[in-house]
Amino acid sequence: MDAPAVIDLLQVGGKLNHADPLRHAQLLHFPAEGELLVTGDLHNHRRNFERIAAFADLEHFPRRHVILQEIIHGGKLGAAGEDASLALLLEAIRWARTYPGRVHFLLANHDLAQISGTSTLKEDGDQVERFARAFTVQFGPAAGVVSAAFEAFVRSMPLAGISVTGLFMSHSLPAPGDLPAFDTGLLQRELNERDLQRGGAAYRMVWGRGQTAELLAALSRHWFAELYICGHQPQERGYSLVCSNLLILDSSHNHGVILPLALDRQYRMSELLERLVPLAAIA
């Protein structure tokens, strides 16, 4: 795709994020009917994205929703050592354009790192630098304009989603040490520049690790959540249980999983674990 086409598609994605009928400030409120497919980090795993789309089958299930997160950073590098994951993000936006209001993107730490220039070192290289290099390689003099369109898309993504039964989905949650300074009201308001910077509320939300039962109990008093489903933390077997009410999903490798849910029912954590679907099992 040339630069104008990419810019147009990123702008379409941003408009879809802002106009999402489920969105209230930074929180998606899912209805008490239909289904939701929750995915973990993708990191440019194209085959798993194809499996997710096949499993979701949105054409034949009009009340089904999908949550996507952390699509960029990963996969095979280009000839110039560039990260080519923008292509999969654009594919996901096309999918969202086909099914508006049903494919939902959540802000993740790698998205935020990319627009802030925060180095993310992995596999002997800086993923932020490699992703930025791809703009120059692919778009030449228009790289800056395309990069600005990408940044606008990132800024358009909400932070979390919640079901009427108290299932809370976000890329991550603040760390225990962040809680005293953390603004739990950020989900009910517009974000400002400080929120996105290191130490800001959105930054703490997408970068946090080491969550505890005490932290989750404190957040639940503000957010009315029962169970939490996040990504962010790599999982060799595709998932892990943190405390009794935080489930971590990973969809970025051959042992990755996804989680299909019915939006009209309440779950125990044991039931969520039983519903996990290995992506490798999807044709």
Foldseek 3Di string as FASTA:
>chain_A
DALVVLLVLLVLLLVLLQPQPQAAAQEGEQELFFKEKEAFAAAQPVLLVVLVCVVQVCVVGVRYAYEYENQHHDDDADPVRAGPSVVVVSVLSVVCVVNRNRYAYAQALVLLCLLVVPFDDDPNDTRSVRHLVVLCVRHNPCSVVSSVSSNSSNLSHHAWYAFPQFEIEGQAAAAPVLVVVADLCNSNHHDDPQLSDVSHNSNRGRAHDDHAPVNVVVSCVVVVHDAYEHENDDDPQQWDDHYQGYIYGHSHDQNGWMFMGGRNDHDGVVVRVVRIDRSNVRD
